Structures are given as structure tokens and as C-alpha cells.
Amino acid sequence: MKLNYPKRDNKRIYCEQKIASFITQDHIRSGFEYDFPIISSDEEVSKLIGYKGEYFLKDRMEVEKWYNKKERSMVGIVHFLESCEGPPSTVHGGAIASAFDDVLGSLAWRIGGYARKGIPTAVLTTKYLRPVVMNGSDFVIEARIKQIVKHRIELVAELFCIAPEKKVLATASSVFSVRKPVLADDVLPYDEAMEKFGRFRSVDEQKENIWSYYSREISKL
């Protein structure tokens, strides 16, 4: 089914106003593709460090993430695109799970650090409580820590609509596994990694420092 999304109708504007209430002065924009733009957008760089394709959610949904450093939690503003449709005018369950995984994974990286080998999802359990209707509105995912046990980061999240009222549509629980470092810099504090080769650096500096950090991996390719 082909859906026609209004870019900014009254409902979308109303939702944006509601969403703004979830973003406090303690929140900062975050997310891997935002904090490390060259890795996410430069095909040459991404392939050099081992990526084979492109960002999975590209052209499927828009997810804007905000990290609360004080609470160590994450808010994701999700807009499902037409390719996420399952039943008529309803978001596919797999797309909802993917949105959860994206926001939860971003929080796991923030907590666990920038891992050279990544922080894979070990468990993701999603409960679908109500249909997520594709009406052009944005949805909110709130993710937070459940517990941290050694190298296991356990997180939970809720997805809800906010117009005309807040209503939980789905929930998720997850486990992310941080591999035990072999080398001292296999896992960097997230903010330190951003300083080295993230958005705070120029494009040339990002590339140079990324290649330096991944040099051992690049030599194996």
C-alpha cells in the first residue's frame, strides 16, 4: 500500500511540540551515525574498517536520538517511512524491533564505550501491545538501564505515541555484550572516541585518526 506522508501538517507540528517536552537541558544529540559521521557516511572509510554494506535503517525510518548523561538514558524520536508498512497502514513488527534495537544499541555504546569490535545485541525481546499506525506522526522510544553485570548490559525501553495522549504501544528488553578487551584501546570511553575521531574533529582528522585506530584490522583485509 502506498502511503502519502505529509511533511509538516498540523498533526506533525502538534507532535513535534509534544516531543519537545521529552528533551530536557540534560539531553544531547547522539547516536553512532551522528557522533561518528565519517564512518557512517563515507563509503571508503566504512569499507576500510570492515563494513560490507550501508546503514540498515537508511531509507526505512528516521531516528533522532538524545542522550541524557545524568540519567544514562536515551530518547529516540522515530518516524517510520513507507517501507516499514506491514498490515495495511500499520508498522511492521520487524520495523518496530529494529527501531528498538537502534535506540537501545546507541545507549549500550554510550554506557559500554566505543568498542573496536562493536557491541552486538545478544537478546532482544519485543512485546507488541497495540498497533503502531502509520499516519505520518512521530513516535517516541525511551530507553534506560535495567542492570549491568560484568560484560552484559541489560536495557529496557518503551515505544509510545504522544498524540492525542501518551499511550505505550510496545516494550522491549535487551542484552548487549561487550567483548573483553585484548588490547588496552579495544574499548574506549565514548566521549574519548568522539574526541579522537568523532564529529568534534575535521573531516581529514577523522579519517586519519580512524585509520590509525583501525590499522590492525585494516591490515587483515
C-alpha atoms as a PDB file:
ATOM      1  CA  MET A   1       0.000   0.000   0.000  1.00  0.00           C
ATOM      2  CA  LYS A   2       1.331   3.407  -0.988  1.00  0.00           C
ATOM      3  CA  LEU A   3       1.059   5.988   1.762  1.00  0.00           C
ATOM      4  CA  ASN A   4       1.303   9.711   1.304  1.00  0.00           C
ATOM      5  CA  TYR A   5       3.109  11.287   4.229  1.00  0.00           C
ATOM      6  CA  PRO A   6       2.503  14.965   4.872  1.00  0.00           C
ATOM      7  CA  LYS A   7       5.830  16.589   5.684  1.00  0.00           C
ATOM      8  CA  ARG A   8       4.532  19.152   8.149  1.00  0.00           C
ATOM      9  CA  ASP A   9       0.795  19.151   8.590  1.00  0.00           C
ATOM     10  CA  ASN A  10      -0.915  20.318  11.773  1.00  0.00           C
ATOM     11  CA  LYS A  11      -0.694  16.856  13.348  1.00  0.00           C
ATOM     12  CA  ARG A  12       3.072  16.637  12.717  1.00  0.00           C
ATOM     13  CA  ILE A  13       3.628  20.102  14.177  1.00  0.00           C
ATOM     14  CA  TYR A  14       1.498  19.197  17.194  1.00  0.00           C
ATOM     15  CA  CYS A  15       3.557  16.043  17.704  1.00  0.00           C
ATOM     16  CA  GLU A  16       6.798  17.998  17.446  1.00  0.00           C
ATOM     17  CA  GLN A  17       5.602  20.317  20.179  1.00  0.00           C
ATOM     18  CA  LYS A  18       4.716  17.345  22.366  1.00  0.00           C
ATOM     19  CA  ILE A  19       8.033  15.633  21.639  1.00  0.00           C
ATOM     20  CA  ALA A  20       9.959  18.725  22.677  1.00  0.00           C
ATOM     21  CA  SER A  21       8.753  18.162  26.232  1.00  0.00           C
ATOM     22  CA  PHE A  22      10.802  14.924  26.403  1.00  0.00           C
ATOM     23  CA  ILE A  23      14.068  16.673  25.548  1.00  0.00           C
ATOM     24  CA  THR A  24      15.454  18.471  28.589  1.00  0.00           C
ATOM     25  CA  GLN A  25      18.561  20.577  29.109  1.00  0.00           C
ATOM     26  CA  ASP A  26      20.289  17.369  30.236  1.00  0.00           C
ATOM     27  CA  HIS A  27      19.853  15.754  26.803  1.00  0.00           C
ATOM     28  CA  ILE A  28      22.404  15.969  23.978  1.00  0.00           C
ATOM     29  CA  ARG A  29      22.062  14.759  20.392  1.00  0.00           C
ATOM     30  CA  SER A  30      23.750  11.412  19.987  1.00  0.00           C
ATOM     31  CA  GLY A  31      23.786   8.152  18.067  1.00  0.00           C
ATOM     32  CA  PHE A  32      26.597   6.443  16.184  1.00  0.00           C
ATOM     33  CA  GLU A  33      25.752   7.950  12.798  1.00  0.00           C
ATOM     34  CA  TYR A  34      25.574  11.434  14.379  1.00  0.00           C
ATOM     35  CA  ASP A  35      28.668  11.212  16.591  1.00  0.00           C
ATOM     36  CA  PHE A  36      30.885   9.440  14.038  1.00  0.00           C
ATOM     37  CA  PRO A  37      29.662  10.871  10.718  1.00  0.00           C
ATOM     38  CA  ILE A  38      32.589   9.839   8.533  1.00  0.00           C
ATOM     39  CA  ILE A  39      32.227   6.157   9.451  1.00  0.00           C
ATOM     40  CA  SER A  40      28.506   6.339   8.718  1.00  0.00           C
ATOM     41  CA  SER A  41      28.585   8.427   5.538  1.00  0.00           C
ATOM     42  CA  ASP A  42      31.949   7.833   3.838  1.00  0.00           C
ATOM     43  CA  GLU A  43      31.816   4.584   1.889  1.00  0.00           C
ATOM     44  CA  GLU A  44      35.609   4.351   1.529  1.00  0.00           C
ATOM     45  CA  VAL A  45      36.172   4.676   5.275  1.00  0.00           C
ATOM     46  CA  SER A  46      33.391   2.276   6.252  1.00  0.00           C
ATOM     47  CA  LYS A  47      34.663  -0.409   3.873  1.00  0.00           C
ATOM     48  CA  LEU A  48      38.246   0.023   5.037  1.00  0.00           C
ATOM     49  CA  ILE A  49      37.277  -0.843   8.600  1.00  0.00           C
ATOM     50  CA  GLY A  50      35.198  -3.834   7.588  1.00  0.00           C
ATOM     51  CA  TYR A  51      31.648  -2.707   6.797  1.00  0.00           C
ATOM     52  CA  LYS A  52      30.188  -4.524   3.785  1.00  0.00           C
ATOM     53  CA  GLY A  53      27.015  -2.575   3.152  1.00  0.00           C
ATOM     54  CA  GLU A  54      25.236   0.526   4.409  1.00  0.00           C
ATOM     55  CA  TYR A  55      23.356   1.654   7.491  1.00  0.00           C
ATOM     56  CA  PHE A  56      20.445  -0.788   7.882  1.00  0.00           C
ATOM     57  CA  LEU A  57      17.772   1.789   8.723  1.00  0.00           C
ATOM     58  CA  LYS A  58      18.644   4.077   5.809  1.00  0.00           C
ATOM     59  CA  ASP A  59      15.541   4.861   3.704  1.00  0.00           C
ATOM     60  CA  ARG A  60      13.388   2.859   6.138  1.00  0.00           C
ATOM     61  CA  MET A  61      12.934   5.127   9.135  1.00  0.00           C
ATOM     62  CA  GLU A  62      14.262   8.327  10.638  1.00  0.00           C
ATOM     63  CA  VAL A  63      15.547   8.006  14.208  1.00  0.00           C
ATOM     64  CA  GLU A  64      16.842  11.042  16.082  1.00  0.00           C
ATOM     65  CA  LYS A  65      18.497  10.117  19.370  1.00  0.00           C
ATOM     66  CA  TRP A  66      19.085  12.190  22.511  1.00  0.00           C
ATOM     67  CA  TYR A  67      21.284  11.004  25.379  1.00  0.00           C
ATOM     68  CA  ASN A  68      20.786  12.028  28.999  1.00  0.00           C
ATOM     69  CA  LYS A  69      24.232  11.743  30.575  1.00  0.00           C
ATOM     70  CA  LYS A  70      22.909  12.457  34.055  1.00  0.00           C
ATOM     71  CA  GLU A  71      20.347   9.640  33.977  1.00  0.00           C
ATOM     72  CA  ARG A  72      22.286   7.465  31.491  1.00  0.00           C
ATOM     73  CA  SER A  73      19.159   7.069  29.382  1.00  0.00           C
ATOM     74  CA  MET A  74      18.240   7.622  25.734  1.00  0.00           C
ATOM     75  CA  VAL A  75      15.244   9.121  23.943  1.00  0.00           C
ATOM     76  CA  GLY A  76      14.635   8.239  20.311  1.00  0.00           C
ATOM     77  CA  ILE A  77      12.266  10.198  18.054  1.00  0.00           C
ATOM     78  CA  VAL A  78      11.116   7.742  15.386  1.00  0.00           C
ATOM     79  CA  HIS A  79       9.425   8.438  12.065  1.00  0.00           C
ATOM     80  CA  PHE A  80       8.562   5.261  10.153  1.00  0.00           C
ATOM     81  CA  LEU A  81       8.746   5.596   6.373  1.00  0.00           C
ATOM     82  CA  GLU A  82       6.580   3.803   3.813  1.00  0.00           C
ATOM     83  CA  SER A  83       8.890   0.800   3.535  1.00  0.00           C
ATOM     84  CA  CYS A  84       8.075  -0.079   7.183  1.00  0.00           C
ATOM     85  CA  GLU A  85       4.482  -0.994   6.411  1.00  0.00           C
ATOM     86  CA  GLY A  86       3.272  -4.458   7.374  1.00  0.00           C
ATOM     87  CA  PRO A  87      -0.525  -4.847   7.605  1.00  0.00           C
ATOM     88  CA  PRO A  88      -2.353  -2.015   5.789  1.00  0.00           C
ATOM     89  CA  SER A  89      -1.476   1.385   7.304  1.00  0.00           C
ATOM     90  CA  THR A  90       0.323  -0.330  10.201  1.00  0.00           C
ATOM     91  CA  VAL A  91       4.041  -0.519  11.009  1.00  0.00           C
ATOM     92  CA  HIS A  92       5.598  -3.975  10.532  1.00  0.00           C
ATOM     93  CA  GLY A  93       6.657  -5.700  13.754  1.00  0.00           C
ATOM     94  CA  GLY A  94      10.173  -6.160  12.401  1.00  0.00           C
ATOM     95  CA  ALA A  95      10.486  -2.415  11.831  1.00  0.00           C
ATOM     96  CA  ILE A  96       9.417  -1.743  15.421  1.00  0.00           C
ATOM     97  CA  ALA A  97      12.021  -4.223  16.684  1.00  0.00           C
ATOM     98  CA  SER A  98      14.656  -2.543  14.505  1.00  0.00           C
ATOM     99  CA  ALA A  99      13.798   0.869  15.935  1.00  0.00           C
ATOM    100  CA  PHE A 100      14.115  -0.536  19.452  1.00  0.00           C
ATOM    101  CA  ASP A 101      17.460  -2.153  18.595  1.00  0.00           C
ATOM    102  CA  ASP A 102      18.796   1.113  17.158  1.00  0.00           C
ATOM    103  CA  VAL A 103      17.929   3.212  20.215  1.00  0.00           C
ATOM    104  CA  LEU A 104      18.901   0.532  22.741  1.00  0.00           C
ATOM    105  CA  GLY A 105      22.140  -0.145  20.881  1.00  0.00           C
ATOM    106  CA  SER A 106      23.012   3.551  20.913  1.00  0.00           C
ATOM    107  CA  LEU A 107      22.528   3.590  24.668  1.00  0.00           C
ATOM    108  CA  ALA A 108      24.651   0.444  25.033  1.00  0.00           C
ATOM    109  CA  TRP A 109      27.522   2.155  23.182  1.00  0.00           C
ATOM    110  CA  ARG A 110      27.200   5.209  25.388  1.00  0.00           C
ATOM    111  CA  ILE A 111      27.417   3.063  28.505  1.00  0.00           C
ATOM    112  CA  GLY A 112      29.831   0.359  27.361  1.00  0.00           C
ATOM    113  CA  GLY A 113      32.165   2.594  25.372  1.00  0.00           C
ATOM    114  CA  TYR A 114      33.359   2.683  21.767  1.00  0.00           C
ATOM    115  CA  ALA A 115      34.303  -0.929  21.021  1.00  0.00           C
ATOM    116  CA  ARG A 116      36.580  -1.684  18.084  1.00  0.00           C
ATOM    117  CA  LYS A 117      34.743  -4.986  17.554  1.00  0.00           C
ATOM    118  CA  GLY A 118      31.307  -3.481  18.222  1.00  0.00           C
ATOM    119  CA  ILE A 119      28.755  -4.212  20.945  1.00  0.00           C
ATOM    120  CA  PRO A 120      26.431  -6.858  19.496  1.00  0.00           C
ATOM    121  CA  THR A 121      22.858  -7.441  20.531  1.00  0.00           C
ATOM    122  CA  ALA A 122      22.698 -10.745  22.413  1.00  0.00           C
ATOM    123  CA  VAL A 123      18.971 -10.689  23.266  1.00  0.00           C
ATOM    124  CA  LEU A 124      16.109  -8.512  22.067  1.00  0.00           C
ATOM    125  CA  THR A 125      12.587  -9.315  23.228  1.00  0.00           C
ATOM    126  CA  THR A 126       9.737  -7.176  21.947  1.00  0.00           C
ATOM    127  CA  LYS A 127       6.145  -7.145  23.181  1.00  0.00           C
ATOM    128  CA  TYR A 128       3.544  -5.598  20.866  1.00  0.00           C
ATOM    129  CA  LEU A 129       0.712  -4.124  22.906  1.00  0.00           C
ATOM    130  CA  ARG A 130      -1.189  -2.081  20.301  1.00  0.00           C
ATOM    131  CA  PRO A 131      -0.929  -1.448  16.533  1.00  0.00           C
ATOM    132  CA  VAL A 132       1.511   1.286  15.530  1.00  0.00           C
ATOM    133  CA  VAL A 133      -0.499   3.182  12.937  1.00  0.00           C
ATOM    134  CA  MET A 134       1.280   4.816  10.005  1.00  0.00           C
ATOM    135  CA  ASN A 135      -0.406   8.192   9.975  1.00  0.00           C
ATOM    136  CA  GLY A 136       2.609  10.455   9.479  1.00  0.00           C
ATOM    137  CA  SER A 137       3.114  11.033  13.189  1.00  0.00           C
ATOM    138  CA  ASP A 138       6.355  10.621  15.081  1.00  0.00           C
ATOM    139  CA  PHE A 139       6.775   8.146  17.928  1.00  0.00           C
ATOM    140  CA  VAL A 140       8.990   8.174  20.992  1.00  0.00           C
ATOM    141  CA  ILE A 141      11.224   5.436  22.391  1.00  0.00           C
ATOM    142  CA  GLU A 142      12.546   5.836  25.915  1.00  0.00           C
ATOM    143  CA  ALA A 143      15.427   3.506  26.837  1.00  0.00           C
ATOM    144  CA  ARG A 144      17.083   3.048  30.213  1.00  0.00           C
ATOM    145  CA  ILE A 145      19.384   0.716  32.133  1.00  0.00           C
ATOM    146  CA  LYS A 146      17.954  -2.337  33.871  1.00  0.00           C
ATOM    147  CA  GLN A 147      21.273  -3.606  35.203  1.00  0.00           C
ATOM    148  CA  ILE A 148      24.925  -4.098  34.255  1.00  0.00           C
ATOM    149  CA  VAL A 149      26.572  -7.424  35.108  1.00  0.00           C
ATOM    150  CA  LYS A 150      30.245  -7.668  34.143  1.00  0.00           C
ATOM    151  CA  HIS A 151      30.261  -7.532  30.322  1.00  0.00           C
ATOM    152  CA  ARG A 152      26.469  -7.716  29.979  1.00  0.00           C
ATOM    153  CA  ILE A 153      24.458  -4.512  29.604  1.00  0.00           C
ATOM    154  CA  GLU A 154      20.739  -5.104  30.193  1.00  0.00           C
ATOM    155  CA  LEU A 155      18.413  -2.379  28.936  1.00  0.00           C
ATOM    156  CA  VAL A 156      14.656  -1.845  28.645  1.00  0.00           C
ATOM    157  CA  ALA A 157      12.564   0.506  26.521  1.00  0.00           C
ATOM    158  CA  GLU A 158       9.043   1.628  25.666  1.00  0.00           C
ATOM    159  CA  LEU A 159       7.652   2.904  22.384  1.00  0.00           C
ATOM    160  CA  PHE A 160       4.646   5.167  22.612  1.00  0.00           C
ATOM    161  CA  CYS A 161       2.565   7.661  20.737  1.00  0.00           C
ATOM    162  CA  ILE A 162       2.027  11.077  22.266  1.00  0.00           C
ATOM    163  CA  ALA A 163      -0.944  12.477  20.385  1.00  0.00           C
ATOM    164  CA  PRO A 164      -3.666  12.941  21.391  1.00  0.00           C
ATOM    165  CA  GLU A 165      -2.290  11.377  24.604  1.00  0.00           C
ATOM    166  CA  LYS A 166       0.684   9.321  25.686  1.00  0.00           C
ATOM    167  CA  LYS A 167      -0.008   5.627  25.113  1.00  0.00           C
ATOM    168  CA  VAL A 168       2.501   2.752  25.282  1.00  0.00           C
ATOM    169  CA  LEU A 169       2.364   0.693  22.070  1.00  0.00           C
ATOM    170  CA  ALA A 170       5.272  -1.722  22.548  1.00  0.00           C
ATOM    171  CA  THR A 171       8.009  -2.592  25.024  1.00  0.00           C
ATOM    172  CA  ALA A 172      11.431  -4.183  24.684  1.00  0.00           C
ATOM    173  CA  SER A 173      14.070  -5.770  26.878  1.00  0.00           C
ATOM    174  CA  SER A 174      17.588  -6.393  25.664  1.00  0.00           C
ATOM    175  CA  VAL A 175      21.055  -7.646  26.495  1.00  0.00           C
ATOM    176  CA  PHE A 176      24.207  -6.289  24.854  1.00  0.00           C
ATOM    177  CA  SER A 177      27.562  -7.980  25.173  1.00  0.00           C
ATOM    178  CA  VAL A 178      30.803  -6.020  25.479  1.00  0.00           C
ATOM    179  CA  ARG A 179      33.665  -8.272  24.411  1.00  0.00           C
ATOM    180  CA  LYS A 180      36.555  -8.488  26.844  1.00  0.00           C
ATOM    181  CA  PRO A 181      39.329  -6.201  25.522  1.00  0.00           C
ATOM    182  CA  VAL A 182      42.502  -7.833  24.263  1.00  0.00           C
ATOM    183  CA  LEU A 183      44.352  -4.555  23.768  1.00  0.00           C
ATOM    184  CA  ALA A 184      44.134  -1.543  26.059  1.00  0.00           C
ATOM    185  CA  ASP A 185      42.336   0.592  23.476  1.00  0.00           C
ATOM    186  CA  ASP A 186      39.936  -2.077  22.191  1.00  0.00           C
ATOM    187  CA  VAL A 187      37.203  -0.293  24.162  1.00  0.00           C
ATOM    188  CA  LEU A 188      37.472   3.483  24.544  1.00  0.00           C
ATOM    189  CA  PRO A 189      35.271   5.704  26.686  1.00  0.00           C
ATOM    190  CA  TYR A 190      32.641   7.013  24.274  1.00  0.00           C
ATOM    191  CA  ASP A 191      33.490  10.682  24.762  1.00  0.00           C
ATOM    192  CA  GLU A 192      37.195   9.953  24.283  1.00  0.00           C
ATOM    193  CA  ALA A 193      36.452   8.222  20.978  1.00  0.00           C
ATOM    194  CA  MET A 194      34.428  11.246  19.831  1.00  0.00           C
ATOM    195  CA  GLU A 195      37.384  13.481  20.672  1.00  0.00           C
ATOM    196  CA  LYS A 196      39.722  11.224  18.680  1.00  0.00           C
ATOM    197  CA  PHE A 197      37.740  10.582  15.517  1.00  0.00           C
ATOM    198  CA  GLY A 198      34.191  11.810  16.009  1.00  0.00           C
ATOM    199  CA  ARG A 199      32.227  14.872  14.986  1.00  0.00           C
ATOM    200  CA  PHE A 200      34.403  17.250  17.005  1.00  0.00           C
ATOM    201  CA  ARG A 201      37.233  16.705  14.507  1.00  0.00           C
ATOM    202  CA  SER A 202      37.595  17.965  10.956  1.00  0.00           C
ATOM    203  CA  VAL A 203      36.907  15.519   8.127  1.00  0.00           C
ATOM    204  CA  ASP A 204      40.617  14.967   7.471  1.00  0.00           C
ATOM    205  CA  GLU A 205      41.353  14.453  11.173  1.00  0.00           C
ATOM    206  CA  GLN A 206      38.502  11.965  11.477  1.00  0.00           C
ATOM    207  CA  LYS A 207      39.832   9.920   8.572  1.00  0.00           C
ATOM    208  CA  GLU A 208      43.438   9.998   9.767  1.00  0.00           C
ATOM    209  CA  ASN A 209      42.576   9.000  13.332  1.00  0.00           C
ATOM    210  CA  ILE A 210      40.093   6.311  12.267  1.00  0.00           C
ATOM    211  CA  TRP A 211      42.681   4.688  10.016  1.00  0.00           C
ATOM    212  CA  SER A 212      45.210   4.835  12.840  1.00  0.00           C
ATOM    213  CA  TYR A 213      42.797   3.275  15.348  1.00  0.00           C
ATOM    214  CA  TYR A 214      41.690   0.501  12.990  1.00  0.00           C
ATOM    215  CA  SER A 215      45.132  -0.070  11.444  1.00  0.00           C
ATOM    216  CA  ARG A 216      45.411  -3.636  12.777  1.00  0.00           C
ATOM    217  CA  GLU A 217      42.006  -4.519  11.387  1.00  0.00           C
ATOM    218  CA  ILE A 218      42.707  -2.851   8.041  1.00  0.00           C
ATOM    219  CA  SER A 219      45.937  -4.836   7.625  1.00  0.00           C
ATOM    220  CA  LYS A 220      43.911  -8.075   7.822  1.00  0.00           C
ATOM    221  CA  LEU A 221      41.577  -7.107   4.967  1.00  0.00           C
END
